[in-house]
Amino acid sequence: MTAENFISKYTDIETRCFIKKQRTVLLDRLIDEALQQNSLSTFDEISFVVNQLLDKKIKIRQSLFSRLIYPVLSKQVDSDNVDAIKLMIKLLYLLSGFQELTGNHKYSYDQLIERGLYLQPNDKGLLENRELTLRSYLNMTLHEIPTGVLYETNGATIQECDELLKVLTYYKSICDMLHVDHTDLINEARFYYEAYKEYLSVYQRFNGFKDYLSRTTIKQQPTTGLLP
């Protein structure tokens, strides 16, 4: 079975069969047939099928991902195929479903991005993914200002403030590579990470981080509205 034939048959089932049980049976038979014929066993074939279905806005079912797509992509990811890594990231919603069903958590979103960037440090798509996730993370760490700086779900320690400053430096380097300007966020994060680190070393003198800010650094604070 060629990739084109599979796409045609799969699309026909998805667009003409509206009874869930019947559709599931037909899709399973089609996937069984492809497996028996050792069809769609190469990355090029899988990539073609996935992109064609996405372009046609045909839903990729979990069974298709789990039985045909994932095995091929997994081998290619393990072989450091950057295009396979990017395709796995593109199908993250299906990967998450696969992980919930099987308990196989071999890959995470962050791990895939970092692996891809290790292999191709200047890949724009991967850099854009990393910039977006880090920007979201940095905003999360500032979510409880002026109460404090977060690290995961708890207040950061002095050592964790140092780690956050390293993350911030990494984030700035990515912004520079992409020529995107998030200076306000970078300056704001640096200010609060450094201030919170200093506060933790003298916290006994103050009634919380907000009190520390108001009494020691108010004139230096960024004007982005985090403080009331």
Foldseek 3Di string as FASTA:
>chain_A
DALVVLLVQLVCLQVPPDDVVVSVVSVVVSLVVCVVVVHLQEPVSLVVNVVVCVVVVRDDDLCCCQRRVVVRLVVVVVVLPLVSLVVCLVVVVSVVVNCVVPVDPPDDNVRSLVSSCVVVVLPPVSLVVVLVVLLVVLCVQLVPPPQAGDDVHDHDELVVLVVVLVSLVVSVVSCVSNVHDPPLSSVQSNVRSVLRSVCNVVVVVAPGSVRSCVPPPVVPHRPPPSPD
